[in-house]
Structure formats: structure tokens, C-alpha cells
N, C-alpha and C. Protein backbone atom coordinates (compact mmCIF):
# COMPACT_ATOMS: atom_id res chain seq x y z
N MET A 1 122.25 83.28 78.80
CA MET A 1 122.63 84.61 79.11
C MET A 1 123.35 85.25 77.89
N GLU A 2 122.96 86.45 77.52
CA GLU A 2 123.58 87.17 76.39
C GLU A 2 125.02 87.51 76.66
N LEU A 3 125.83 87.60 75.64
CA LEU A 3 127.22 87.93 75.76
C LEU A 3 127.39 89.25 76.52
N ARG A 4 126.65 90.29 76.10
CA ARG A 4 126.76 91.61 76.76
C ARG A 4 126.48 91.46 78.28
N ASP A 5 125.49 90.64 78.63
CA ASP A 5 125.16 90.48 80.06
C ASP A 5 126.30 89.77 80.83
N LYS A 6 126.96 88.81 80.18
CA LYS A 6 128.12 88.14 80.80
C LYS A 6 129.22 89.11 81.05
N ILE A 7 129.45 89.98 80.08
CA ILE A 7 130.54 90.98 80.20
C ILE A 7 130.23 91.96 81.30
N LEU A 8 128.98 92.44 81.32
CA LEU A 8 128.59 93.38 82.38
C LEU A 8 128.71 92.72 83.73
N LEU A 9 128.40 91.43 83.87
CA LEU A 9 128.50 90.73 85.09
C LEU A 9 129.98 90.65 85.54
N ALA A 10 130.86 90.40 84.59
CA ALA A 10 132.28 90.38 84.85
C ALA A 10 132.81 91.74 85.34
N LEU A 11 132.33 92.83 84.69
CA LEU A 11 132.76 94.14 85.07
C LEU A 11 132.22 94.50 86.45
N ASP A 12 131.04 94.07 86.78
CA ASP A 12 130.47 94.26 88.13
C ASP A 12 131.31 93.53 89.18
N GLU A 13 131.89 92.41 88.78
CA GLU A 13 132.70 91.63 89.71
C GLU A 13 134.03 92.32 89.99
N ILE A 14 134.61 92.97 88.99
CA ILE A 14 135.89 93.62 89.17
C ILE A 14 135.79 95.04 89.66
N ARG A 15 134.62 95.67 89.45
CA ARG A 15 134.41 97.09 89.77
C ARG A 15 134.79 97.45 91.26
N PRO A 16 134.41 96.68 92.24
CA PRO A 16 134.79 97.06 93.63
C PRO A 16 136.30 97.20 93.83
N PHE A 17 137.07 96.42 93.14
CA PHE A 17 138.56 96.54 93.27
C PHE A 17 139.06 97.84 92.64
N LEU A 18 138.45 98.21 91.51
CA LEU A 18 138.81 99.46 90.85
C LEU A 18 138.34 100.67 91.67
N GLU A 19 137.16 100.59 92.22
CA GLU A 19 136.59 101.67 93.03
C GLU A 19 137.41 101.88 94.30
N ALA A 20 138.01 100.80 94.84
CA ALA A 20 138.83 100.90 96.04
C ALA A 20 140.04 101.78 95.79
N ASP A 21 140.47 101.83 94.53
CA ASP A 21 141.65 102.65 94.14
C ASP A 21 141.22 103.95 93.50
N GLY A 22 139.93 104.28 93.59
CA GLY A 22 139.45 105.57 93.04
C GLY A 22 139.15 105.52 91.58
N GLY A 23 138.94 104.36 91.02
CA GLY A 23 138.66 104.23 89.60
C GLY A 23 137.32 103.52 89.29
N ASP A 24 137.11 103.31 88.01
CA ASP A 24 135.95 102.62 87.56
C ASP A 24 136.18 102.12 86.15
N ILE A 25 135.22 101.44 85.60
CA ILE A 25 135.37 100.90 84.22
C ILE A 25 134.01 100.99 83.53
N ALA A 26 134.04 101.27 82.23
CA ALA A 26 132.84 101.35 81.45
C ALA A 26 132.97 100.47 80.19
N LEU A 27 131.93 99.74 79.87
CA LEU A 27 131.88 98.97 78.63
C LEU A 27 131.58 99.91 77.48
N ILE A 28 132.42 99.93 76.45
CA ILE A 28 132.24 100.84 75.33
C ILE A 28 131.67 100.10 74.13
N ASP A 29 132.23 98.91 73.82
CA ASP A 29 131.75 98.18 72.63
C ASP A 29 132.17 96.73 72.71
N ILE A 30 131.47 95.87 71.96
CA ILE A 30 131.85 94.48 71.77
C ILE A 30 131.93 94.30 70.27
N VAL A 31 133.11 93.98 69.77
CA VAL A 31 133.36 93.86 68.32
C VAL A 31 133.37 92.42 67.92
N GLU A 32 132.44 92.04 67.03
CA GLU A 32 132.31 90.70 66.44
C GLU A 32 132.30 89.61 67.50
N ASP A 33 131.76 89.89 68.65
CA ASP A 33 131.69 88.91 69.73
C ASP A 33 133.09 88.32 70.14
N LYS A 34 134.16 89.06 69.86
CA LYS A 34 135.49 88.62 70.21
C LYS A 34 136.34 89.62 70.92
N ILE A 35 136.11 90.88 70.67
CA ILE A 35 136.95 91.94 71.27
C ILE A 35 136.07 92.88 72.10
N VAL A 36 136.47 93.12 73.37
CA VAL A 36 135.69 93.96 74.22
C VAL A 36 136.52 95.31 74.37
N LYS A 37 135.84 96.41 74.14
CA LYS A 37 136.46 97.71 74.32
C LYS A 37 135.86 98.31 75.59
N VAL A 38 136.81 98.66 76.49
CA VAL A 38 136.40 99.29 77.78
C VAL A 38 137.10 100.61 77.94
N GLN A 39 136.70 101.32 78.93
CA GLN A 39 137.43 102.57 79.27
C GLN A 39 137.60 102.61 80.74
N LEU A 40 138.92 102.57 81.17
CA LEU A 40 139.23 102.75 82.57
C LEU A 40 139.03 104.20 82.90
N GLN A 41 138.44 104.44 84.06
CA GLN A 41 138.09 105.81 84.41
C GLN A 41 138.61 106.20 85.79
N GLY A 42 138.54 107.44 86.11
CA GLY A 42 139.00 107.96 87.41
C GLY A 42 140.48 107.75 87.55
N ALA A 43 140.90 107.33 88.73
CA ALA A 43 142.29 107.12 89.03
C ALA A 43 142.91 106.04 88.13
N CYS A 44 142.12 105.12 87.66
CA CYS A 44 142.61 103.99 86.87
C CYS A 44 143.03 104.46 85.47
N ALA A 45 142.44 105.55 84.99
CA ALA A 45 142.75 106.04 83.63
C ALA A 45 144.21 106.46 83.51
N GLY A 46 144.73 107.10 84.53
CA GLY A 46 146.10 107.58 84.42
C GLY A 46 147.11 106.77 85.22
N CYS A 47 146.64 105.67 85.71
CA CYS A 47 147.53 104.81 86.58
C CYS A 47 148.64 104.14 85.78
N SER A 48 149.83 104.10 86.32
CA SER A 48 150.94 103.54 85.61
C SER A 48 150.85 102.05 85.44
N VAL A 49 150.04 101.37 86.22
CA VAL A 49 149.88 99.91 86.12
C VAL A 49 148.52 99.52 85.48
N ASN A 50 147.88 100.46 84.78
CA ASN A 50 146.56 100.12 84.25
C ASN A 50 146.59 99.03 83.19
N GLN A 51 147.70 98.86 82.44
CA GLN A 51 147.78 97.75 81.46
C GLN A 51 147.82 96.44 82.21
N MET A 52 148.51 96.38 83.32
CA MET A 52 148.56 95.16 84.12
C MET A 52 147.16 94.88 84.69
N THR A 53 146.50 95.91 85.20
CA THR A 53 145.13 95.77 85.69
C THR A 53 144.20 95.26 84.57
N LEU A 54 144.35 95.82 83.39
CA LEU A 54 143.52 95.44 82.30
C LEU A 54 143.71 93.98 81.91
N LYS A 55 144.94 93.51 81.82
CA LYS A 55 145.24 92.16 81.36
C LYS A 55 145.03 91.13 82.48
N SER A 56 145.57 91.38 83.63
CA SER A 56 145.49 90.35 84.68
C SER A 56 144.23 90.39 85.50
N GLY A 57 143.53 91.51 85.50
CA GLY A 57 142.27 91.60 86.26
C GLY A 57 141.07 91.62 85.35
N VAL A 58 140.92 92.66 84.58
CA VAL A 58 139.74 92.84 83.76
C VAL A 58 139.58 91.74 82.69
N GLU A 59 140.62 91.55 81.87
CA GLU A 59 140.54 90.54 80.80
C GLU A 59 140.31 89.16 81.38
N MET A 60 141.03 88.78 82.42
CA MET A 60 140.90 87.48 83.01
C MET A 60 139.46 87.25 83.55
N THR A 61 138.89 88.24 84.16
CA THR A 61 137.54 88.13 84.70
C THR A 61 136.52 88.04 83.58
N ILE A 62 136.69 88.83 82.51
CA ILE A 62 135.75 88.76 81.42
C ILE A 62 135.84 87.39 80.74
N LYS A 63 137.03 86.87 80.54
CA LYS A 63 137.18 85.55 79.89
C LYS A 63 136.63 84.44 80.76
N LYS A 64 136.63 84.64 82.05
CA LYS A 64 136.04 83.64 82.94
C LYS A 64 134.54 83.54 82.71
N HIS A 65 133.91 84.68 82.50
CA HIS A 65 132.47 84.69 82.29
C HIS A 65 132.11 84.50 80.80
N ALA A 66 132.97 84.88 79.90
CA ALA A 66 132.72 84.79 78.45
C ALA A 66 133.98 84.30 77.75
N PRO A 67 134.26 83.00 77.74
CA PRO A 67 135.49 82.43 77.19
C PRO A 67 135.69 82.72 75.70
N GLU A 68 134.65 83.08 74.99
CA GLU A 68 134.76 83.36 73.58
C GLU A 68 135.47 84.68 73.30
N ILE A 69 135.62 85.53 74.30
CA ILE A 69 136.28 86.83 74.14
C ILE A 69 137.77 86.56 73.98
N GLU A 70 138.38 87.17 72.97
CA GLU A 70 139.81 86.99 72.68
C GLU A 70 140.70 88.08 73.26
N GLU A 71 140.13 89.27 73.34
CA GLU A 71 140.97 90.42 73.79
C GLU A 71 140.13 91.54 74.42
N VAL A 72 140.73 92.23 75.37
CA VAL A 72 140.04 93.36 75.97
C VAL A 72 140.99 94.55 75.73
N ILE A 73 140.42 95.65 75.19
CA ILE A 73 141.16 96.83 74.84
C ILE A 73 140.68 98.00 75.64
N ASN A 74 141.60 98.78 76.24
CA ASN A 74 141.23 100.00 76.91
C ASN A 74 141.34 101.17 75.98
N LEU A 75 140.24 101.89 75.89
CA LEU A 75 140.23 103.15 75.05
C LEU A 75 140.62 104.27 76.01
N ASP A 76 141.72 104.92 75.68
CA ASP A 76 142.18 106.07 76.51
C ASP A 76 141.17 107.17 76.49
N THR A 77 141.08 107.90 77.63
CA THR A 77 140.16 109.03 77.70
C THR A 77 140.72 110.23 76.97
């Protein structure tokens, strides 16, 4: 499975939790097969706990599917 497909699978896994809070997530870029750039959307974009969501939810799920990823970065809207 390609790295991009693994990451998209991970985002699909976490998406229902984000949607339950009125948000979503989009994959923006994969840099050197190590850094994933995403964009939290909807209610998640302005949420005060979005950094916690990013690190404990999104990053953890992506690393589960693609352990070679070192960091996940949210690009602000």
C-alpha cells in the first residue's frame, strides 16, 4: 500500500470523530515521506483543543498506519 493511501486510510478512521464535533480534516501534503500537512476544517479549525486533537488523535492514528511519519502539522485556514 502506498504511503498516501495509508495516510488517507488513517484520516478516514479519525474523520467520524471530527465530524461528530462539526469538523473535518483534509490532507494537504506529504513532505519527504516524513511530515504530513493537514488542515483541520469546520468547527475543528477554531477549536481551542485542536492541537491536542492533532497530536493525540490525528498524529497517533496516522503513525499507527504509517510508522515512518515523524510529524503531523496543521495548516491554519
